[in-house]
Protein backbone atom coordinates (compact mmCIF):
# COMPACT_ATOMS: atom_id res chain seq x y z
CA MET A 1 48.08 128.18 -17.19
CA ASN A 2 48.78 128.63 -13.48
CA PRO A 3 50.30 131.88 -12.10
CA LEU A 4 53.84 130.50 -12.01
CA GLU A 5 53.66 129.45 -15.67
CA ALA A 6 52.29 132.84 -16.67
CA GLN A 7 55.01 134.74 -14.81
CA LEU A 8 57.80 132.56 -16.16
CA THR A 9 56.49 132.82 -19.72
CA TYR A 10 56.33 136.60 -19.48
CA TRP A 11 59.84 136.77 -17.96
CA LEU A 12 61.35 134.49 -20.60
CA SER A 13 59.73 136.50 -23.41
CA ARG A 14 61.31 139.81 -22.38
CA GLN A 15 63.63 141.71 -24.71
CA THR A 16 67.27 140.70 -24.24
CA ALA A 17 70.75 141.37 -25.56
CA ARG A 18 72.11 139.57 -28.61
CA VAL A 19 74.62 137.55 -26.62
CA SER A 20 75.26 136.96 -22.93
CA VAL A 21 76.93 134.41 -20.64
CA ARG A 22 76.18 134.14 -16.94
CA ARG A 23 77.73 132.12 -14.12
CA VAL A 24 75.47 130.66 -11.45
CA GLY A 25 78.10 130.61 -8.75
CA GLN A 26 76.25 128.88 -5.95
CA LEU A 27 75.46 125.94 -8.24
CA GLY A 28 78.76 125.89 -10.11
CA ALA A 29 76.80 126.22 -13.35
CA ALA A 30 76.76 128.57 -16.34
CA VAL A 31 74.24 129.51 -19.01
CA GLY A 32 74.83 131.42 -22.24
CA SER A 33 73.02 132.28 -25.46
CA ASP A 34 73.92 134.00 -28.74
CA ILE A 35 71.54 135.09 -31.48
CA GLY A 36 74.19 134.27 -34.09
CA THR A 37 75.20 136.19 -37.21
CA VAL A 38 72.26 135.23 -39.45
CA ARG A 39 69.07 135.15 -37.38
CA THR A 40 67.16 138.31 -36.47
CA GLU A 41 65.45 136.73 -33.44
CA ASN A 42 66.72 134.43 -30.73
CA GLN A 43 64.18 131.62 -30.34
CA ASP A 44 66.31 129.69 -27.88
CA ARG A 45 65.46 129.72 -24.17
CA ALA A 46 67.53 128.33 -21.32
CA VAL A 47 67.29 128.48 -17.53
CA VAL A 48 68.95 127.07 -14.45
CA VAL A 49 66.60 126.70 -11.47
CA GLN A 50 67.24 126.11 -7.79
CA GLY A 51 64.47 125.00 -5.45
CA TRP A 52 63.70 122.94 -2.38
CA GLU A 53 61.68 119.83 -1.85
CA ALA A 54 59.09 119.50 0.91
CA ASN A 55 61.62 117.57 3.03
CA GLY A 56 64.15 120.43 2.81
CA GLY A 57 66.41 118.82 0.23
CA ARG A 58 67.69 121.09 -2.49
CA PHE A 59 67.28 120.38 -6.18
CA SER A 60 68.60 122.08 -9.29
CA VAL A 61 67.36 121.72 -12.84
CA ALA A 62 68.68 123.01 -16.14
CA VAL A 63 66.33 123.33 -19.13
CA VAL A 64 67.05 124.33 -22.74
CA ALA A 65 64.42 124.81 -25.45
CA ASP A 66 64.87 125.67 -29.13
CA GLY A 67 61.78 127.02 -30.90
CA ILE A 68 61.25 125.32 -34.26
CA GLY A 69 61.80 127.56 -37.26
CA GLY A 70 59.23 127.40 -40.02
CA MET A 71 56.41 126.91 -37.51
CA ARG A 72 54.45 129.47 -35.53
CA ALA A 73 56.04 131.61 -32.79
CA GLY A 74 59.17 129.60 -32.08
CA GLY A 75 60.34 131.86 -29.27
CA MET A 76 56.97 131.77 -27.51
CA CYS A 77 56.79 127.98 -27.88
CA ALA A 78 60.20 127.68 -26.23
CA SER A 79 59.08 129.98 -23.38
CA LEU A 80 55.87 128.00 -22.87
CA ALA A 81 57.76 124.70 -22.90
CA ILE A 82 60.21 125.78 -20.20
CA SER A 83 57.48 127.43 -18.09
CA GLY A 84 55.30 124.33 -18.15
CA PHE A 85 58.29 122.11 -17.42
CA ILE A 86 59.41 124.15 -14.39
CA ALA A 87 55.87 124.44 -13.02
CA SER A 88 55.53 120.66 -13.12
CA ILE A 89 58.91 120.20 -11.41
CA CYS A 90 57.75 122.50 -8.59
CA GLU A 91 54.60 120.43 -8.17
CA SER A 92 56.64 117.22 -8.04
CA ALA A 93 58.88 118.76 -5.35
CA THR A 94 56.01 118.37 -2.89
CA SER A 95 55.86 114.60 -3.47
CA ARG A 96 58.18 111.66 -3.02
CA ASN A 97 58.13 110.55 -6.64
CA SER A 98 61.28 109.37 -8.39
CA SER A 99 63.39 111.67 -10.54
CA PHE A 100 62.25 109.68 -13.57
CA ASP A 101 58.62 110.57 -12.77
CA TRP A 102 59.56 114.21 -12.19
CA MET A 103 61.10 114.48 -15.63
CA MET A 104 58.46 112.48 -17.49
CA ASN A 105 55.60 114.46 -15.96
CA ALA A 106 57.39 117.75 -16.64
CA ALA A 107 58.00 116.87 -20.29
CA MET A 108 54.34 115.97 -20.81
CA LYS A 109 53.27 119.18 -19.07
CA ALA A 110 55.51 121.21 -21.38
CA ASN A 111 54.04 119.43 -24.39
CA GLU A 112 50.53 120.18 -23.16
CA ALA A 113 51.32 123.87 -22.57
CA VAL A 114 52.57 124.38 -26.13
CA TYR A 115 49.90 122.23 -27.77
CA ASN A 116 47.05 124.02 -25.96
CA LYS A 117 48.30 127.29 -27.43
CA TYR A 118 49.17 126.32 -31.02
CA TYR A 119 47.53 122.91 -31.56
CA GLY A 120 50.52 121.38 -33.34
CA ASP A 121 51.32 124.42 -35.51
CA GLY A 122 54.13 125.49 -33.19
CA GLY A 123 56.74 123.53 -31.31
CA SER A 124 60.10 123.38 -29.59
CA THR A 125 62.89 120.98 -28.76
CA LEU A 126 63.47 120.40 -25.05
CA ILE A 127 66.36 119.00 -23.03
CA ALA A 128 66.80 119.05 -19.26
CA ALA A 129 68.96 117.79 -16.41
CA LEU A 130 67.77 117.26 -12.82
CA ILE A 131 70.09 117.07 -9.81
CA ARG A 132 68.61 116.11 -6.42
CA GLN A 133 70.36 115.56 -3.12
CA GLY A 134 70.74 111.87 -2.43
CA LYS A 135 69.36 110.87 -5.85
CA ALA A 136 70.94 109.81 -9.13
CA PRO A 137 71.20 112.57 -11.76
CA CYS A 138 68.53 112.40 -14.44
CA TRP A 139 68.27 113.87 -17.94
CA MET A 140 65.54 114.21 -20.55
CA SER A 141 65.48 114.90 -24.30
CA VAL A 142 62.94 115.68 -27.03
CA GLY A 143 64.05 116.86 -30.48
CA ASP A 144 67.57 117.51 -31.76
CA SER A 145 69.10 119.60 -28.98
CA ARG A 146 71.67 117.49 -27.18
CA VAL A 147 72.83 116.40 -23.74
CA TYR A 148 76.54 115.63 -23.27
CA LEU A 149 78.36 114.15 -20.29
CA GLU A 150 81.85 115.47 -19.67
CA THR A 151 84.13 113.37 -17.51
CA GLU A 152 87.90 113.40 -17.05
CA GLN A 153 88.20 110.96 -19.93
CA GLU A 154 85.94 112.34 -22.67
CA LEU A 155 82.87 114.25 -23.82
CA GLN A 156 80.15 111.66 -24.34
CA LYS A 157 76.88 112.31 -26.18
CA LEU A 158 74.02 110.93 -24.09
CA SER A 159 70.95 111.92 -26.11
CA THR A 160 69.89 110.70 -29.55
CA ASP A 161 68.43 113.19 -32.01
CA ASP A 162 64.75 112.70 -32.79
CA THR A 163 65.48 112.70 -36.52
CA ILE A 164 65.82 109.93 -39.08
CA ALA A 165 69.55 110.58 -39.26
CA GLY A 166 69.85 110.56 -35.48
CA GLN A 167 67.98 107.29 -35.12
CA LEU A 168 70.21 105.72 -37.78
CA GLY A 169 73.40 107.08 -36.21
CA ARG A 170 74.13 109.36 -39.15
CA ASP A 171 74.83 113.07 -39.59
CA ALA A 172 71.99 115.07 -41.07
CA ILE A 173 74.54 117.14 -43.02
CA ASP A 174 74.88 114.22 -45.44
CA ASN A 175 71.14 114.24 -46.14
CA PRO A 176 69.17 117.31 -44.98
CA GLU A 177 65.85 115.50 -45.49
CA GLN A 178 66.87 113.09 -42.77
CA GLY A 179 67.37 116.01 -40.37
CA ARG A 180 63.66 116.75 -39.99
CA LEU A 181 62.27 116.25 -36.50
CA LEU A 182 60.28 113.10 -35.82
CA GLN A 183 58.83 114.53 -32.61
CA PHE A 184 58.85 117.81 -30.70
CA VAL A 185 57.26 119.45 -27.69
CA GLY A 186 53.84 120.72 -28.75
CA MET A 187 53.01 117.89 -31.17
CA GLY A 188 50.23 116.45 -29.00
CA SER A 189 49.47 113.11 -27.38
CA ASP A 190 51.95 111.01 -29.39
CA LEU A 191 55.01 112.50 -27.66
CA GLN A 192 57.44 109.99 -26.17
CA PRO A 193 60.16 111.80 -24.15
CA HIS A 194 63.53 110.15 -23.60
CA VAL A 195 64.26 110.06 -19.86
CA HIS A 196 67.30 108.36 -18.33
CA GLU A 197 69.08 108.24 -14.98
CA LEU A 198 72.86 108.21 -14.62
CA GLU A 199 74.90 106.27 -12.11
CA SER A 200 74.67 107.95 -8.73
CA LYS A 201 78.46 107.82 -8.14
CA ILE A 202 79.45 109.33 -11.47
CA SER A 203 81.28 112.67 -11.40
CA GLY A 204 81.69 115.39 -13.99
CA ARG A 205 79.28 117.84 -15.55
CA LEU A 206 76.49 117.90 -18.11
CA LEU A 207 76.47 120.11 -21.21
CA LEU A 208 73.09 120.98 -22.70
CA VAL A 209 73.35 122.60 -26.13
CA THR A 210 71.14 123.53 -29.08
CA ASP A 211 72.02 122.67 -32.66
CA GLY A 212 73.58 126.12 -33.07
CA VAL A 213 76.45 124.76 -30.94
CA HIS A 214 76.58 121.02 -31.47
CA TYR A 215 76.84 121.35 -35.25
CA LEU A 216 80.54 121.92 -34.52
CA SER A 217 80.90 118.23 -33.64
CA LYS A 218 80.16 117.26 -37.25
CA TYR A 219 83.45 118.66 -38.45
CA SER A 220 86.01 118.05 -35.71
CA SER A 221 86.58 117.32 -32.04
CA CYS A 222 86.71 121.02 -31.15
CA MET A 223 83.82 120.74 -28.67
CA ASP A 224 85.70 118.05 -26.78
CA LYS A 225 88.86 120.14 -26.68
CA VAL A 226 87.11 123.31 -25.51
CA ALA A 227 85.26 121.44 -22.77
CA SER A 228 88.37 119.64 -21.54
CA ILE A 229 90.56 122.76 -21.47
CA ALA A 230 88.05 125.26 -20.05
CA THR A 231 87.38 123.87 -16.60
CA ASP A 232 85.54 127.01 -15.45
CA PRO A 233 81.90 126.66 -16.59
CA GLY A 234 81.55 130.33 -17.53
CA VAL A 235 84.70 130.28 -19.64
CA CYS A 236 83.63 127.03 -21.28
CA ALA A 237 80.19 128.41 -22.21
CA LYS A 238 81.68 131.63 -23.56
CA ARG A 239 84.24 129.83 -25.72
CA LEU A 240 81.67 127.44 -27.18
CA LEU A 241 79.43 130.35 -28.18
CA GLU A 242 82.35 132.28 -29.66
CA LEU A 243 83.50 129.24 -31.59
CA ALA A 244 79.99 128.68 -32.97
CA SER A 245 79.91 132.32 -34.09
CA TRP A 246 83.40 132.21 -35.64
CA CYS A 247 82.41 129.14 -37.65
CA GLY A 248 79.46 130.92 -39.23
CA GLY A 249 76.85 131.50 -36.50
CA HIS A 250 74.13 130.22 -38.84
CA ASP A 251 71.66 129.60 -36.00
CA ASN A 252 70.84 130.64 -32.44
CA ALA A 253 73.39 129.06 -30.10
CA THR A 254 72.69 128.20 -26.47
CA VAL A 255 74.61 126.22 -23.86
CA VAL A 256 74.09 125.30 -20.21
CA ILE A 257 76.79 123.65 -18.12
CA MET A 258 75.60 121.88 -14.97
CA PRO A 259 77.74 119.94 -12.47
CA LEU A 260 76.48 116.51 -11.41
CA SER A 261 76.56 117.54 -7.75
CA ASN A 262 74.56 120.31 -6.10
CA GLU A 263 76.60 120.49 -2.92
CA GLY A 264 77.51 124.15 -3.55
CA ASP A 265 76.95 126.81 -0.91
CA SER A 266 73.60 128.56 -0.75
CA SER A 267 72.91 131.64 1.32
CA THR A 268 69.15 131.28 0.91
CA VAL A 269 67.02 129.91 3.73
CA PRO A 270 65.64 126.62 2.38
CA PHE A 271 61.87 126.31 2.36
CA ALA A 272 59.62 125.00 -0.37
CA GLY A 273 58.01 128.35 -1.08
CA PHE A 274 59.97 129.83 -3.97
CA ILE A 275 62.42 129.04 -6.71
CA GLU A 276 65.46 130.92 -7.97
CA VAL A 277 65.60 131.15 -11.77
CA TYR A 278 68.67 132.15 -13.78
CA ASP A 279 69.13 132.67 -17.49
CA SER A 280 72.01 134.23 -19.37
CA PHE A 281 70.46 137.70 -19.13
CA GLY A 282 69.35 137.91 -15.49
CA ASP A 283 67.75 136.14 -12.55
CA GLY A 284 64.69 136.30 -10.34
CA GLN A 285 62.82 134.71 -7.46
CA PHE A 286 59.38 133.29 -8.18
CA PHE A 287 57.12 132.56 -5.21
CA LEU A 288 54.90 129.54 -5.33
CA GLY A 289 51.27 129.37 -4.29
CA ASN A 290 51.99 127.78 -0.91
CA SER A 291 54.90 130.06 -0.03
CA ILE A 292 53.09 131.91 2.77
CA SER A 293 51.92 128.75 4.49
CA ASN A 294 55.39 127.20 4.26
CA LEU A 295 57.06 130.35 5.55
CA ASP A 296 54.48 130.51 8.36
CA ARG A 297 55.25 126.90 9.30
CA ASN A 298 59.03 127.36 9.20
CA ILE A 299 58.97 130.49 11.33
CA ARG A 300 56.57 128.89 13.82
CA GLU A 301 58.73 125.77 14.15
CA SER A 302 61.96 127.75 14.47
CA ARG A 303 60.52 129.96 17.21
CA LYS A 304 58.44 127.17 18.77
CA LEU A 305 55.29 129.28 18.61
CA PRO A 306 51.84 127.76 19.19
CA ARG A 307 50.40 126.10 16.13
CA SER A 308 47.35 128.31 16.27
CA THR A 309 47.54 131.71 14.74
CA LEU A 310 50.82 133.11 13.55
CA SER A 311 49.26 134.23 10.28
CA ASP A 312 45.97 135.09 12.05
CA SER A 313 47.75 137.31 14.55
CA VAL A 314 49.68 139.02 11.78
CA ALA A 315 46.45 139.59 9.90
CA SER A 316 44.78 140.87 13.08
CA ASP A 317 47.60 143.32 13.77
CA PHE A 318 47.51 144.48 10.19
CA SER A 319 43.73 144.96 10.39
CA GLU A 320 44.06 147.01 13.57
CA LYS A 321 46.74 149.17 11.98
CA GLN A 322 44.45 149.70 9.00
CA LYS A 323 41.62 150.80 11.28
CA VAL A 324 43.83 153.20 13.24
CA GLY A 325 45.31 154.61 10.04
CA ALA A 326 41.88 155.11 8.50
CA ALA A 327 40.59 156.89 11.60
CA THR A 328 43.65 159.15 11.76
CA LYS A 329 43.32 160.02 8.09
CA LYS A 330 39.63 160.81 8.56
CA ASN A 331 40.32 163.10 11.51
CA ARG A 332 43.03 164.93 9.55
CA LEU A 333 40.64 165.50 6.67
CA LYS A 334 38.04 166.95 9.03
CA GLU A 335 40.61 169.26 10.63
CA GLY A 336 41.72 170.41 7.17
CA VAL A 337 38.15 171.20 6.13
CA VAL A 338 37.52 173.21 9.32
CA LYS A 339 40.73 175.24 8.87
CA LYS A 340 39.89 175.88 5.23
CA ASN A 341 36.41 177.11 6.10
CA ARG A 342 37.77 179.44 8.79
CA ALA A 343 40.31 180.92 6.38
CA ALA A 344 37.62 181.41 3.76
CA LYS A 345 35.37 183.26 6.23
CA ALA A 346 38.26 185.51 7.29
CA ASN A 347 39.03 186.39 3.67
CA VAL A 348 35.38 187.15 2.93
CA ALA A 349 35.32 189.57 5.85
CA ASP A 350 38.48 191.35 4.70
CA GLU A 351 37.88 191.80 0.97
CA PRO A 352 35.48 190.84 -1.84
CA GLN A 353 35.96 187.34 -3.20
CA LEU A 354 35.38 185.84 -6.62
CA ILE A 355 33.94 182.40 -6.01
CA MET A 356 34.25 179.79 -8.79
CA GLU A 357 32.87 176.29 -8.71
CA PHE A 358 34.66 173.35 -10.33
CA PRO A 359 32.20 170.42 -10.37
CA ASN A 360 34.79 167.87 -11.56
CA LYS A 361 37.51 168.87 -9.16
CA ARG A 362 38.48 166.16 -6.67
CA LYS A 363 37.95 167.28 -3.10
């Protein structure tokens, strides 16, 4: 596990509220999650990530994972799956590979991260959407969480559940045995992720939901109606979660809404040295391993400095400041000792002193 994976896993495993919805304004996206009315733990994880490719182009990716109940550590499996997926996406951002390769490699990395921890005894579903400037949108699916495409005409289901019922085009509610997962992230080398690209000119937004939300579609067209009426992504996410709760809230419910274009405004200086990560409970910036070198290069190019030693000069200045500071501190300590000795001698001359030694006292 590289440092980025470890930090993301720790961040995603933090204690959170029971329900929260968050807008990601600069991407026009929203992410929300609800523990539901039955479960005592939320094993869903969902993030929206913004980053930059080596050529300066911006990308955004939404990822949703649902830890599998009945297996080991569902919440941790979901955290590991997303962390491995995002780490792989960041590695791909330094190359010129296709979006299909980005998603396929990321899915296999997520599978490896979970399998190396639980060896098939723990797992997670995983769905994702990738938006890159100048590239066709791309989505990926493993398990029974779902990806929907919302256009002006309808809400279309893009993914197919990795269950017997899903493969046969049936609802698992008619036969629960047919609702068991055929594959999941963490199963090992036999994983076959579903990765597809959309038409580059298509407009609309993608909805990524766990089965705690999409079970509503089995009974009516309420998901379609909510999505078509609530044009604001934050309002749409909030209403879907509330509806899932009102209809029983039998499972953790999570939704991410992502527009098919990432032309939104960004106040962040673009360089391929960090990513911005948002979930429904907060956000953070995670610096990558090459962030200092990239920042060094960008500053040098913008100021037209010599290629030689921007970082070396900074390090040299810092070293000199350390030396000066250490010398000053040493001189002050000497002066303090001299003054203390003088005061002690003066006191001894004036009146008797009781001298006590404290061997363990820090001087």
